[in-house]
Amino acid sequence: MLHFKQPAGTSRGVYTTRKVWYIHFTSSDNPGRVGIGECAPLPDLSWDALPDADYEQVLNRACRQVEEQGGVLDYEALQDYPSILFGLETAIRHHAAGSWALWDTPFSRSEAGIPINGLIWMGDYDRMLTQIETKMQAGFRCIKLKIGAIHFDEELALLKYIRAHFSRAEIELRVDANGAFSPSDALDKLKRLAELDLHSIEQPICAGQWAEMARLTSESPLPIALDEELIGCNALHGKEKLLSVIRPQYIILKPSLHGGICGGEEWIALAEKRNIGWWITSALESNIGLNAIAQWCATYNNPLPQGLGTGMLFTDNVEMPLEIRSDCMWFGK
C-alpha cells in the first residue's frame, strides 16, 4: 500500500493511497537473480480492476501458468488483464537483463534523458496556479493540465495566464478533460481552447461514443488524443476498428491499462501505419513500474514529451535510480 504525499485529484475522485502487487520471478538456472514486476490496477478505471481477492486469484493463476510453461508468457490468455500482463512481462525482462536497465539504450546507459511533461493535478484555481508556477520555474517546456474539475472559464483563465508569459515555442500546453465535456458543448469548448495555441486535448468526451468522437476529431481545430477510449480494446481487430473509425490525431499509451508492453507495441504499430501520433504515460505506478515504462519508452526515440515522473508522488516509494532534471527523466545506474 503506497501513500500519496498529497491527495491526487483525478476524474475518478481523489486518491490518497495506492495498492500494488509485486511479482518476484526466479529461475533454477540462475538462483541468485530475481526479476521484479509491478501489477498496479487503478480502481474504477483499469479493465482488470477486480476486488482484491479476485485479482489475487487471477494473478496467482497467471504466475502458476508461467511456471508450468517454463517461464513463457501466454499473451493471448492475459490480454484482458493488462496490469497483470505488464507485471509479468517486466519481471521476466528484469530477470533476463540482470539489472534495472531493461533495454540497452542511451537512457539506460545514463547518456540521455527522456523529455517529460509537467503534470498539473486537478484542484481549485489557487492550487492549480501554484503548481503551474512551480513547474515553469523548474524548467518544464511542456505542461499538462487536468481540466473538468472546476468552472471551464476558470480553467481557461489558468491557460491564459501561462500564455501571457510563454508562447507556444517556449511552453507546449496539453490538457486532459478525462471525458468531462458533453457531446453537445464539446466542439464549442474545443474551439475556445484552440485559441490558446494548445498542443492537444485528451479524451474530451466519455469513452464509448465512437460516432461523436469521430465527429469531433474531424471537426475540432484542436488535435484530440485518446486515452480512456483505448481501455478494454485488447484484441487486434478491435484496435484496428477503433483507430479506423475515430481517426484521432494522437493516442496515449499506459502499459498497465492498455495491454502491457506487447499491447502497447501493437497500438504503436497500428497508429504509425495510419499516421497517428502517440506518446507513453505512466499510471500512478511506484518506481518499479515507472522505471519499466521509462526503459521501454526509451527504445522508441519519440521526440514528443512523455508522461512520466508520477512515481515521485509517494511517501513510501521503492528506491530506484530515477531522477528528474529540469524537464527530463534520467536513469542513473
C-alpha atoms as a PDB file:
ATOM      1  CA  MET A   1       0.000   0.000   0.000  1.00  0.00           C
ATOM      2  CA  LEU A   2       1.556   3.263  -1.167  1.00  0.00           C
ATOM      3  CA  HIS A   3       0.639   6.643   0.318  1.00  0.00           C
ATOM      4  CA  PHE A   4       0.461   9.877  -1.666  1.00  0.00           C
ATOM      5  CA  LYS A   5       2.402  12.861  -0.379  1.00  0.00           C
ATOM      6  CA  GLN A   6      -0.640  14.973  -1.297  1.00  0.00           C
ATOM      7  CA  PRO A   7      -4.116  13.806  -2.364  1.00  0.00           C
ATOM      8  CA  ALA A   8      -4.124  13.160  -6.130  1.00  0.00           C
ATOM      9  CA  GLY A   9      -7.251  14.543  -7.793  1.00  0.00           C
ATOM     10  CA  THR A  10      -8.400  12.641 -10.887  1.00  0.00           C
ATOM     11  CA  SER A  11     -11.594  12.283 -12.896  1.00  0.00           C
ATOM     12  CA  ARG A  12     -12.271   9.160 -10.798  1.00  0.00           C
ATOM     13  CA  GLY A  13     -12.086  11.032  -7.499  1.00  0.00           C
ATOM     14  CA  VAL A  14      -9.200  11.731  -5.149  1.00  0.00           C
ATOM     15  CA  TYR A  15      -6.566   9.104  -4.353  1.00  0.00           C
ATOM     16  CA  THR A  16      -4.765   9.146  -1.001  1.00  0.00           C
ATOM     17  CA  THR A  17      -3.443   5.567  -1.164  1.00  0.00           C
ATOM     18  CA  ARG A  18      -2.470   3.215  -3.980  1.00  0.00           C
ATOM     19  CA  LYS A  19      -2.395  -0.582  -3.866  1.00  0.00           C
ATOM     20  CA  VAL A  20       0.131  -2.506  -5.968  1.00  0.00           C
ATOM     21  CA  TRP A  21       1.262  -6.133  -6.213  1.00  0.00           C
ATOM     22  CA  TYR A  22       4.896  -7.108  -6.880  1.00  0.00           C
ATOM     23  CA  ILE A  23       5.844 -10.272  -8.759  1.00  0.00           C
ATOM     24  CA  HIS A  24       9.187 -11.922  -7.974  1.00  0.00           C
ATOM     25  CA  PHE A  25      10.453 -14.057 -10.858  1.00  0.00           C
ATOM     26  CA  THR A  26      13.275 -16.555 -10.246  1.00  0.00           C
ATOM     27  CA  SER A  27      14.818 -19.459 -12.133  1.00  0.00           C
ATOM     28  CA  SER A  28      16.750 -22.534 -11.017  1.00  0.00           C
ATOM     29  CA  ASP A  29      19.162 -21.785 -13.892  1.00  0.00           C
ATOM     30  CA  ASN A  30      20.224 -18.591 -12.107  1.00  0.00           C
ATOM     31  CA  PRO A  31      19.143 -18.953  -8.458  1.00  0.00           C
ATOM     32  CA  GLY A  32      20.812 -15.742  -7.284  1.00  0.00           C
ATOM     33  CA  ARG A  33      18.854 -13.492  -9.660  1.00  0.00           C
ATOM     34  CA  VAL A  34      15.351 -12.083  -9.089  1.00  0.00           C
ATOM     35  CA  GLY A  35      13.197 -10.189 -11.589  1.00  0.00           C
ATOM     36  CA  ILE A  36      10.558  -7.879 -10.106  1.00  0.00           C
ATOM     37  CA  GLY A  37       7.456  -6.617 -11.885  1.00  0.00           C
ATOM     38  CA  GLU A  38       4.621  -4.383 -10.713  1.00  0.00           C
ATOM     39  CA  CYS A  39       0.906  -5.047 -11.129  1.00  0.00           C
ATOM     40  CA  ALA A  40      -0.997  -1.850 -10.394  1.00  0.00           C
ATOM     41  CA  PRO A  41      -4.652  -1.737 -11.497  1.00  0.00           C
ATOM     42  CA  LEU A  42      -6.442   1.579 -10.965  1.00  0.00           C
ATOM     43  CA  PRO A  43      -9.810   1.319  -9.185  1.00  0.00           C
ATOM     44  CA  ASP A  44     -12.805   2.212 -11.402  1.00  0.00           C
ATOM     45  CA  LEU A  45     -10.564   2.672 -14.430  1.00  0.00           C
ATOM     46  CA  SER A  46      -8.493  -0.427 -15.234  1.00  0.00           C
ATOM     47  CA  TRP A  47     -10.132  -3.177 -17.284  1.00  0.00           C
ATOM     48  CA  ASP A  48      -8.878  -5.663 -14.684  1.00  0.00           C
ATOM     49  CA  ALA A  49      -9.678  -3.655 -11.533  1.00  0.00           C
ATOM     50  CA  LEU A  50     -11.265  -6.582  -9.683  1.00  0.00           C
ATOM     51  CA  PRO A  51     -11.908  -6.904  -5.945  1.00  0.00           C
ATOM     52  CA  ASP A  52      -8.599  -7.703  -4.208  1.00  0.00           C
ATOM     53  CA  ALA A  53      -9.368 -11.389  -3.562  1.00  0.00           C
ATOM     54  CA  ASP A  54     -10.449 -11.968  -7.169  1.00  0.00           C
ATOM     55  CA  TYR A  55      -7.452 -10.052  -8.546  1.00  0.00           C
ATOM     56  CA  GLU A  56      -5.045 -12.104  -6.453  1.00  0.00           C
ATOM     57  CA  GLN A  57      -6.710 -15.315  -7.636  1.00  0.00           C
ATOM     58  CA  VAL A  58      -6.200 -14.350 -11.294  1.00  0.00           C
ATOM     59  CA  LEU A  59      -2.646 -13.184 -10.543  1.00  0.00           C
ATOM     60  CA  ASN A  60      -1.770 -16.456  -8.783  1.00  0.00           C
ATOM     61  CA  ARG A  61      -3.223 -18.458 -11.650  1.00  0.00           C
ATOM     62  CA  ALA A  62      -1.215 -16.438 -14.186  1.00  0.00           C
ATOM     63  CA  CYS A  63       2.003 -16.949 -12.193  1.00  0.00           C
ATOM     64  CA  ARG A  64       1.411 -20.703 -11.968  1.00  0.00           C
ATOM     65  CA  GLN A  65       0.771 -20.841 -15.719  1.00  0.00           C
ATOM     66  CA  VAL A  66       4.105 -19.111 -16.419  1.00  0.00           C
ATOM     67  CA  GLU A  67       5.812 -21.658 -14.154  1.00  0.00           C
ATOM     68  CA  GLU A  68       4.140 -24.581 -15.948  1.00  0.00           C
ATOM     69  CA  GLN A  69       5.195 -23.185 -19.325  1.00  0.00           C
ATOM     70  CA  GLY A  70       8.834 -22.857 -18.311  1.00  0.00           C
ATOM     71  CA  GLY A  71       8.877 -19.057 -17.922  1.00  0.00           C
ATOM     72  CA  VAL A  72       6.968 -18.367 -21.149  1.00  0.00           C
ATOM     73  CA  LEU A  73       4.042 -15.925 -21.150  1.00  0.00           C
ATOM     74  CA  ASP A  74       0.710 -16.689 -22.821  1.00  0.00           C
ATOM     75  CA  TYR A  75      -0.046 -13.168 -24.065  1.00  0.00           C
ATOM     76  CA  GLU A  76      -3.419 -14.056 -25.555  1.00  0.00           C
ATOM     77  CA  ALA A  77      -4.676 -15.637 -22.325  1.00  0.00           C
ATOM     78  CA  LEU A  78      -3.748 -12.479 -20.400  1.00  0.00           C
ATOM     79  CA  GLN A  79      -4.827  -9.780 -22.858  1.00  0.00           C
ATOM     80  CA  ASP A  80      -7.876  -8.924 -20.726  1.00  0.00           C
ATOM     81  CA  TYR A  81      -5.628  -8.452 -17.651  1.00  0.00           C
ATOM     82  CA  PRO A  82      -3.272  -5.663 -18.795  1.00  0.00           C
ATOM     83  CA  SER A  83      -1.853  -4.790 -15.366  1.00  0.00           C
ATOM     84  CA  ILE A  84      -1.026  -8.452 -14.683  1.00  0.00           C
ATOM     85  CA  LEU A  85       0.464  -8.869 -18.148  1.00  0.00           C
ATOM     86  CA  PHE A  86       2.621  -5.769 -17.620  1.00  0.00           C
ATOM     87  CA  GLY A  87       3.865  -7.040 -14.249  1.00  0.00           C
ATOM     88  CA  LEU A  88       4.772 -10.464 -15.633  1.00  0.00           C
ATOM     89  CA  GLU A  89       6.404  -9.081 -18.787  1.00  0.00           C
ATOM     90  CA  THR A  90       8.600  -6.691 -16.854  1.00  0.00           C
ATOM     91  CA  ALA A  91       9.514  -9.203 -14.121  1.00  0.00           C
ATOM     92  CA  ILE A  92      10.712 -11.623 -16.791  1.00  0.00           C
ATOM     93  CA  ARG A  93      12.520  -8.804 -18.613  1.00  0.00           C
ATOM     94  CA  HIS A  94      14.235  -7.664 -15.403  1.00  0.00           C
ATOM     95  CA  HIS A  95      15.346 -11.234 -14.677  1.00  0.00           C
ATOM     96  CA  ALA A  96      16.767 -11.628 -18.188  1.00  0.00           C
ATOM     97  CA  ALA A  97      18.543  -8.246 -18.117  1.00  0.00           C
ATOM     98  CA  GLY A  98      20.034  -8.773 -14.655  1.00  0.00           C
ATOM     99  CA  SER A  99      19.691  -5.051 -13.868  1.00  0.00           C
ATOM    100  CA  TRP A 100      17.138  -2.231 -13.819  1.00  0.00           C
ATOM    101  CA  ALA A 101      18.485  -1.171 -17.233  1.00  0.00           C
ATOM    102  CA  LEU A 102      15.924  -3.352 -19.001  1.00  0.00           C
ATOM    103  CA  TRP A 103      16.929  -2.464 -22.583  1.00  0.00           C
ATOM    104  CA  ASP A 104      20.239  -1.160 -23.919  1.00  0.00           C
ATOM    105  CA  THR A 105      19.544   2.477 -24.831  1.00  0.00           C
ATOM    106  CA  PRO A 106      21.232   5.872 -24.306  1.00  0.00           C
ATOM    107  CA  PHE A 107      18.713   6.357 -21.463  1.00  0.00           C
ATOM    108  CA  SER A 108      19.647   3.092 -19.717  1.00  0.00           C
ATOM    109  CA  ARG A 109      23.339   3.976 -20.138  1.00  0.00           C
ATOM    110  CA  SER A 110      22.717   7.357 -18.434  1.00  0.00           C
ATOM    111  CA  GLU A 111      23.726   9.175 -21.634  1.00  0.00           C
ATOM    112  CA  ALA A 112      20.364  10.828 -22.392  1.00  0.00           C
ATOM    113  CA  GLY A 113      17.183  11.836 -20.594  1.00  0.00           C
ATOM    114  CA  ILE A 114      13.581  11.432 -21.713  1.00  0.00           C
ATOM    115  CA  PRO A 115      11.675  14.734 -22.155  1.00  0.00           C
ATOM    116  CA  ILE A 116       8.530  14.679 -19.992  1.00  0.00           C
ATOM    117  CA  ASN A 117       5.536  16.915 -19.355  1.00  0.00           C
ATOM    118  CA  GLY A 118       4.921  18.646 -16.055  1.00  0.00           C
ATOM    119  CA  LEU A 119       1.571  17.413 -14.709  1.00  0.00           C
ATOM    120  CA  ILE A 120      -0.848  19.813 -13.019  1.00  0.00           C
ATOM    121  CA  TRP A 121      -3.317  17.968 -10.815  1.00  0.00           C
ATOM    122  CA  MET A 122      -6.990  18.872 -10.542  1.00  0.00           C
ATOM    123  CA  GLY A 123      -7.773  21.267  -7.729  1.00  0.00           C
ATOM    124  CA  ASP A 124      -9.140  24.722  -7.064  1.00  0.00           C
ATOM    125  CA  TYR A 125      -7.844  27.714  -9.048  1.00  0.00           C
ATOM    126  CA  ASP A 126      -5.206  28.798  -6.498  1.00  0.00           C
ATOM    127  CA  ARG A 127      -3.813  25.270  -6.008  1.00  0.00           C
ATOM    128  CA  MET A 128      -3.532  24.701  -9.757  1.00  0.00           C
ATOM    129  CA  LEU A 129      -1.913  28.114 -10.270  1.00  0.00           C
ATOM    130  CA  THR A 130       0.712  27.322  -7.607  1.00  0.00           C
ATOM    131  CA  GLN A 131       1.503  24.038  -9.342  1.00  0.00           C
ATOM    132  CA  ILE A 132       1.829  25.799 -12.706  1.00  0.00           C
ATOM    133  CA  GLU A 133       4.267  28.379 -11.353  1.00  0.00           C
ATOM    134  CA  THR A 134       6.362  25.633  -9.701  1.00  0.00           C
ATOM    135  CA  LYS A 135       6.574  23.646 -12.954  1.00  0.00           C
ATOM    136  CA  MET A 136       7.521  26.705 -15.001  1.00  0.00           C
ATOM    137  CA  GLN A 137      10.239  27.669 -12.501  1.00  0.00           C
ATOM    138  CA  ALA A 138      11.591  24.099 -12.656  1.00  0.00           C
ATOM    139  CA  GLY A 139      12.161  24.496 -16.387  1.00  0.00           C
ATOM    140  CA  PHE A 140       9.370  22.407 -17.882  1.00  0.00           C
ATOM    141  CA  ARG A 141       8.757  23.141 -21.555  1.00  0.00           C
ATOM    142  CA  CYS A 142       5.561  21.062 -21.724  1.00  0.00           C
ATOM    143  CA  ILE A 143       2.795  21.402 -19.154  1.00  0.00           C
ATOM    144  CA  LYS A 144      -0.283  19.193 -18.968  1.00  0.00           C
ATOM    145  CA  LEU A 145      -3.362  20.346 -17.055  1.00  0.00           C
ATOM    146  CA  LYS A 146      -6.141  18.049 -15.953  1.00  0.00           C
ATOM    147  CA  ILE A 147      -9.330  20.019 -16.551  1.00  0.00           C
ATOM    148  CA  GLY A 148     -13.005  19.427 -15.890  1.00  0.00           C
ATOM    149  CA  ALA A 149     -12.972  19.733 -12.098  1.00  0.00           C
ATOM    150  CA  ILE A 150     -13.608  23.486 -11.772  1.00  0.00           C
ATOM    151  CA  HIS A 151     -15.546  26.001 -13.878  1.00  0.00           C
ATOM    152  CA  PHE A 152     -14.444  25.998 -17.528  1.00  0.00           C
ATOM    153  CA  ASP A 153     -13.881  29.769 -17.522  1.00  0.00           C
ATOM    154  CA  GLU A 154     -11.501  29.422 -14.549  1.00  0.00           C
ATOM    155  CA  GLU A 155      -9.580  26.729 -16.411  1.00  0.00           C
ATOM    156  CA  LEU A 156      -9.370  28.999 -19.448  1.00  0.00           C
ATOM    157  CA  ALA A 157      -8.027  31.741 -17.169  1.00  0.00           C
ATOM    158  CA  LEU A 158      -5.235  29.417 -15.961  1.00  0.00           C
ATOM    159  CA  LEU A 159      -4.277  28.603 -19.539  1.00  0.00           C
ATOM    160  CA  LYS A 160      -4.388  32.295 -20.499  1.00  0.00           C
ATOM    161  CA  TYR A 161      -2.095  33.048 -17.539  1.00  0.00           C
ATOM    162  CA  ILE A 162       0.518  30.668 -18.946  1.00  0.00           C
ATOM    163  CA  ARG A 163       0.129  32.011 -22.485  1.00  0.00           C
ATOM    164  CA  ALA A 164       0.508  35.589 -21.219  1.00  0.00           C
ATOM    165  CA  HIS A 165       4.014  34.661 -20.043  1.00  0.00           C
ATOM    166  CA  PHE A 166       5.102  31.999 -22.545  1.00  0.00           C
ATOM    167  CA  SER A 167       4.467  31.472 -26.250  1.00  0.00           C
ATOM    168  CA  ARG A 168       3.870  28.033 -27.769  1.00  0.00           C
ATOM    169  CA  ALA A 169       7.527  27.955 -28.829  1.00  0.00           C
ATOM    170  CA  GLU A 170       8.519  28.388 -25.164  1.00  0.00           C
ATOM    171  CA  ILE A 171       5.932  26.150 -23.463  1.00  0.00           C
ATOM    172  CA  GLU A 172       3.766  23.446 -25.007  1.00  0.00           C
ATOM    173  CA  LEU A 173       0.372  23.132 -23.342  1.00  0.00           C
ATOM    174  CA  ARG A 174      -1.664  19.938 -23.189  1.00  0.00           C
ATOM    175  CA  VAL A 175      -4.997  19.449 -21.433  1.00  0.00           C
ATOM    176  CA  ASP A 176      -6.741  16.285 -20.291  1.00  0.00           C
ATOM    177  CA  ALA A 177     -10.517  16.508 -19.933  1.00  0.00           C
ATOM    178  CA  ASN A 178     -10.951  12.868 -18.813  1.00  0.00           C
ATOM    179  CA  GLY A 179     -14.309  12.834 -20.618  1.00  0.00           C
ATOM    180  CA  ALA A 180     -15.644  15.904 -18.780  1.00  0.00           C
ATOM    181  CA  PHE A 181     -17.305  17.571 -21.810  1.00  0.00           C
ATOM    182  CA  SER A 182     -20.716  16.629 -23.169  1.00  0.00           C
ATOM    183  CA  PRO A 183     -21.034  15.862 -26.908  1.00  0.00           C
ATOM    184  CA  SER A 184     -23.340  18.873 -27.276  1.00  0.00           C
ATOM    185  CA  ASP A 185     -20.917  21.509 -25.950  1.00  0.00           C
ATOM    186  CA  ALA A 186     -17.568  19.825 -26.665  1.00  0.00           C
ATOM    187  CA  LEU A 187     -16.896  21.427 -30.052  1.00  0.00           C
ATOM    188  CA  ASP A 188     -17.525  24.946 -28.725  1.00  0.00           C
ATOM    189  CA  LYS A 189     -15.132  24.331 -25.829  1.00  0.00           C
ATOM    190  CA  LEU A 190     -12.517  22.852 -28.174  1.00  0.00           C
ATOM    191  CA  LYS A 191     -12.698  26.000 -30.329  1.00  0.00           C
ATOM    192  CA  ARG A 192     -12.176  28.229 -27.293  1.00  0.00           C
ATOM    193  CA  LEU A 193      -9.239  26.109 -26.125  1.00  0.00           C
ATOM    194  CA  ALA A 194      -7.694  26.158 -29.606  1.00  0.00           C
ATOM    195  CA  GLU A 195      -7.465  29.969 -29.415  1.00  0.00           C
ATOM    196  CA  LEU A 196      -4.811  29.465 -26.708  1.00  0.00           C
ATOM    197  CA  ASP A 197      -2.487  27.600 -29.055  1.00  0.00           C
ATOM    198  CA  LEU A 198      -2.621  24.280 -27.231  1.00  0.00           C
ATOM    199  CA  HIS A 199      -0.870  21.129 -28.413  1.00  0.00           C
ATOM    200  CA  SER A 200      -3.786  18.726 -27.830  1.00  0.00           C
ATOM    201  CA  ILE A 201      -6.644  17.632 -25.591  1.00  0.00           C
ATOM    202  CA  GLU A 202      -7.049  14.149 -24.145  1.00  0.00           C
ATOM    203  CA  GLN A 203     -10.431  12.446 -24.131  1.00  0.00           C
ATOM    204  CA  PRO A 204     -12.780  15.466 -24.419  1.00  0.00           C
ATOM    205  CA  ILE A 205     -15.922  13.295 -24.052  1.00  0.00           C
ATOM    206  CA  CYS A 206     -16.510   9.993 -22.256  1.00  0.00           C
ATOM    207  CA  ALA A 207     -15.250   6.818 -23.897  1.00  0.00           C
ATOM    208  CA  GLY A 208     -17.601   4.605 -25.880  1.00  0.00           C
ATOM    209  CA  GLN A 209     -19.183   7.310 -28.057  1.00  0.00           C
ATOM    210  CA  TRP A 210     -17.343   6.453 -31.247  1.00  0.00           C
ATOM    211  CA  ALA A 211     -19.597   8.361 -33.671  1.00  0.00           C
ATOM    212  CA  GLU A 212     -19.476  11.531 -31.568  1.00  0.00           C
ATOM    213  CA  MET A 213     -15.718  11.232 -31.038  1.00  0.00           C
ATOM    214  CA  ALA A 214     -15.155  10.671 -34.768  1.00  0.00           C
ATOM    215  CA  ARG A 215     -17.165  13.838 -35.474  1.00  0.00           C
ATOM    216  CA  LEU A 216     -15.031  15.795 -33.028  1.00  0.00           C
ATOM    217  CA  THR A 217     -11.702  14.521 -34.398  1.00  0.00           C
ATOM    218  CA  SER A 218     -12.783  15.555 -37.900  1.00  0.00           C
ATOM    219  CA  GLU A 219     -14.159  18.999 -36.943  1.00  0.00           C
ATOM    220  CA  SER A 220     -12.048  20.113 -33.962  1.00  0.00           C
ATOM    221  CA  PRO A 221      -9.413  22.810 -34.544  1.00  0.00           C
ATOM    222  CA  LEU A 222      -7.563  21.292 -31.547  1.00  0.00           C
ATOM    223  CA  PRO A 223      -5.887  17.867 -32.003  1.00  0.00           C
ATOM    224  CA  ILE A 224      -7.557  15.110 -29.962  1.00  0.00           C
ATOM    225  CA  ALA A 225      -5.690  12.349 -28.127  1.00  0.00           C
ATOM    226  CA  LEU A 226      -7.397   9.147 -26.947  1.00  0.00           C
ATOM    227  CA  ASP A 227      -6.636   7.597 -23.566  1.00  0.00           C
ATOM    228  CA  GLU A 228      -9.608   6.042 -21.715  1.00  0.00           C
ATOM    229  CA  GLU A 229     -11.070   5.192 -25.128  1.00  0.00           C
ATOM    230  CA  LEU A 230      -8.405   2.504 -25.559  1.00  0.00           C
ATOM    231  CA  ILE A 231      -9.153   0.716 -22.272  1.00  0.00           C
ATOM    232  CA  GLY A 232     -10.691  -2.707 -22.826  1.00  0.00           C
ATOM    233  CA  CYS A 233      -9.926  -2.683 -26.533  1.00  0.00           C
ATOM    234  CA  ASN A 234      -7.484  -5.571 -26.294  1.00  0.00           C
ATOM    235  CA  ALA A 235      -7.867  -7.640 -29.473  1.00  0.00           C
ATOM    236  CA  LEU A 236      -6.034  -6.641 -32.659  1.00  0.00           C
ATOM    237  CA  HIS A 237      -9.153  -6.337 -34.819  1.00  0.00           C
ATOM    238  CA  GLY A 238     -10.803  -4.142 -32.172  1.00  0.00           C
ATOM    239  CA  LYS A 239      -7.816  -1.802 -32.110  1.00  0.00           C
ATOM    240  CA  GLU A 240      -7.796  -1.565 -35.889  1.00  0.00           C
ATOM    241  CA  LYS A 241     -11.519  -0.765 -35.939  1.00  0.00           C
ATOM    242  CA  LEU A 242     -11.264   1.897 -33.221  1.00  0.00           C
ATOM    243  CA  LEU A 243      -8.418   3.753 -34.942  1.00  0.00           C
ATOM    244  CA  SER A 244     -10.037   3.487 -38.377  1.00  0.00           C
ATOM    245  CA  VAL A 245     -13.443   4.737 -37.175  1.00  0.00           C
ATOM    246  CA  ILE A 246     -12.372   7.555 -34.837  1.00  0.00           C
ATOM    247  CA  ARG A 247      -9.123   8.615 -36.588  1.00  0.00           C
ATOM    248  CA  PRO A 248      -7.681  10.502 -33.593  1.00  0.00           C
ATOM    249  CA  GLN A 249      -4.689  12.783 -34.016  1.00  0.00           C
ATOM    250  CA  TYR A 250      -2.896  11.030 -31.113  1.00  0.00           C
ATOM    251  CA  ILE A 251      -3.183   8.045 -28.801  1.00  0.00           C
ATOM    252  CA  ILE A 252      -1.683   7.876 -25.296  1.00  0.00           C
ATOM    253  CA  LEU A 253      -0.386   4.551 -24.083  1.00  0.00           C
ATOM    254  CA  LYS A 254      -0.269   3.337 -20.485  1.00  0.00           C
ATOM    255  CA  PRO A 255       1.030  -0.245 -20.338  1.00  0.00           C
ATOM    256  CA  SER A 256      -0.847  -1.039 -17.102  1.00  0.00           C
ATOM    257  CA  LEU A 257      -4.115  -0.056 -18.807  1.00  0.00           C
ATOM    258  CA  HIS A 258      -3.557  -0.752 -22.487  1.00  0.00           C
ATOM    259  CA  GLY A 259      -2.227  -4.285 -22.791  1.00  0.00           C
ATOM    260  CA  GLY A 260       1.203  -4.248 -21.212  1.00  0.00           C
ATOM    261  CA  ILE A 261       4.353  -3.794 -23.291  1.00  0.00           C
ATOM    262  CA  CYS A 262       3.185  -6.153 -26.039  1.00  0.00           C
ATOM    263  CA  GLY A 263      -0.205  -4.417 -26.303  1.00  0.00           C
ATOM    264  CA  GLY A 264       1.478  -1.009 -26.371  1.00  0.00           C
ATOM    265  CA  GLU A 265       3.776  -2.090 -29.186  1.00  0.00           C
ATOM    266  CA  GLU A 266       0.727  -3.295 -31.113  1.00  0.00           C
ATOM    267  CA  TRP A 267      -1.045   0.061 -30.633  1.00  0.00           C
ATOM    268  CA  ILE A 268       2.074   1.949 -31.783  1.00  0.00           C
ATOM    269  CA  ALA A 269       2.452  -0.122 -34.954  1.00  0.00           C
ATOM    270  CA  LEU A 270      -1.230   0.377 -35.854  1.00  0.00           C
ATOM    271  CA  ALA A 271      -1.072   4.124 -35.118  1.00  0.00           C
ATOM    272  CA  GLU A 272       2.079   4.715 -37.159  1.00  0.00           C
ATOM    273  CA  LYS A 273       0.545   2.832 -40.093  1.00  0.00           C
ATOM    274  CA  ARG A 274      -2.290   5.405 -40.016  1.00  0.00           C
ATOM    275  CA  ASN A 275      -0.056   8.459 -39.380  1.00  0.00           C
ATOM    276  CA  ILE A 276      -1.497   8.850 -35.876  1.00  0.00           C
ATOM    277  CA  GLY A 277       0.887  10.311 -33.299  1.00  0.00           C
ATOM    278  CA  TRP A 278       1.427   8.768 -29.864  1.00  0.00           C
ATOM    279  CA  TRP A 279       3.232   9.095 -26.573  1.00  0.00           C
ATOM    280  CA  ILE A 280       3.641   6.953 -23.462  1.00  0.00           C
ATOM    281  CA  THR A 281       2.407   7.730 -19.956  1.00  0.00           C
ATOM    282  CA  SER A 282       2.704   6.086 -16.571  1.00  0.00           C
ATOM    283  CA  ALA A 283      -0.429   5.489 -14.489  1.00  0.00           C
ATOM    284  CA  LEU A 284       0.486   6.153 -10.851  1.00  0.00           C
ATOM    285  CA  GLU A 285       2.785   3.150 -10.571  1.00  0.00           C
ATOM    286  CA  SER A 286       5.540   3.019  -7.972  1.00  0.00           C
ATOM    287  CA  ASN A 287       9.123   3.440  -9.186  1.00  0.00           C
ATOM    288  CA  ILE A 288       9.291  -0.264 -10.139  1.00  0.00           C
ATOM    289  CA  GLY A 289       6.602   0.143 -12.788  1.00  0.00           C
ATOM    290  CA  LEU A 290       7.693   3.662 -13.693  1.00  0.00           C
ATOM    291  CA  ASN A 291      11.224   2.506 -14.419  1.00  0.00           C
ATOM    292  CA  ALA A 292       9.955  -0.320 -16.631  1.00  0.00           C
ATOM    293  CA  ILE A 293       7.775   2.101 -18.615  1.00  0.00           C
ATOM    294  CA  ALA A 294      10.625   4.611 -18.984  1.00  0.00           C
ATOM    295  CA  GLN A 295      13.072   1.903 -20.083  1.00  0.00           C
ATOM    296  CA  TRP A 296      10.594   0.680 -22.723  1.00  0.00           C
ATOM    297  CA  CYS A 297       9.751   4.230 -23.793  1.00  0.00           C
ATOM    298  CA  ALA A 298      13.453   4.925 -24.409  1.00  0.00           C
ATOM    299  CA  THR A 299      13.612   2.185 -27.066  1.00  0.00           C
ATOM    300  CA  TYR A 300      11.469   4.334 -29.380  1.00  0.00           C
ATOM    301  CA  ASN A 301      13.257   7.688 -29.844  1.00  0.00           C
ATOM    302  CA  ASN A 302       9.913   9.503 -29.789  1.00  0.00           C
ATOM    303  CA  PRO A 303      10.721  13.265 -29.670  1.00  0.00           C
ATOM    304  CA  LEU A 304       7.410  14.238 -28.001  1.00  0.00           C
ATOM    305  CA  PRO A 305       7.437  14.873 -24.236  1.00  0.00           C
ATOM    306  CA  GLN A 306       6.271  11.706 -22.498  1.00  0.00           C
ATOM    307  CA  GLY A 307       4.002  11.443 -19.456  1.00  0.00           C
ATOM    308  CA  LEU A 308       6.475  10.038 -16.937  1.00  0.00           C
ATOM    309  CA  GLY A 309       7.523  11.042 -13.457  1.00  0.00           C
ATOM    310  CA  THR A 310       4.471  10.376 -11.310  1.00  0.00           C
ATOM    311  CA  GLY A 311       6.371   7.788  -9.248  1.00  0.00           C
ATOM    312  CA  MET A 312       7.731  10.681  -7.180  1.00  0.00           C
ATOM    313  CA  LEU A 313       4.287  11.181  -5.623  1.00  0.00           C
ATOM    314  CA  PHE A 314       4.520   8.646  -2.798  1.00  0.00           C
ATOM    315  CA  THR A 315       5.948   8.929   0.708  1.00  0.00           C
ATOM    316  CA  ASP A 316       6.912   5.235   0.755  1.00  0.00           C
ATOM    317  CA  ASN A 317       8.116   4.593  -2.799  1.00  0.00           C
ATOM    318  CA  VAL A 318      10.615   1.917  -3.800  1.00  0.00           C
ATOM    319  CA  GLU A 319      14.142   3.269  -4.274  1.00  0.00           C
ATOM    320  CA  MET A 320      15.127   3.432  -7.929  1.00  0.00           C
ATOM    321  CA  PRO A 321      17.897   5.310  -9.801  1.00  0.00           C
ATOM    322  CA  LEU A 322      15.406   7.690 -11.440  1.00  0.00           C
ATOM    323  CA  GLU A 323      15.541  11.462 -11.195  1.00  0.00           C
ATOM    324  CA  ILE A 324      14.047  14.465 -12.925  1.00  0.00           C
ATOM    325  CA  ARG A 325      16.469  17.132 -14.087  1.00  0.00           C
ATOM    326  CA  SER A 326      14.753  20.224 -15.487  1.00  0.00           C
ATOM    327  CA  ASP A 327      12.129  18.662 -17.795  1.00  0.00           C
ATOM    328  CA  CYS A 328      13.751  15.281 -18.445  1.00  0.00           C
ATOM    329  CA  MET A 329      13.745  11.961 -16.628  1.00  0.00           C
ATOM    330  CA  TRP A 330      17.196  10.400 -16.187  1.00  0.00           C
ATOM    331  CA  PHE A 331      18.288   6.920 -15.163  1.00  0.00           C
ATOM    332  CA  GLY A 332      21.439   6.572 -13.086  1.00  0.00           C
ATOM    333  CA  LYS A 333      22.946   3.121 -12.606  1.00  0.00           C
END
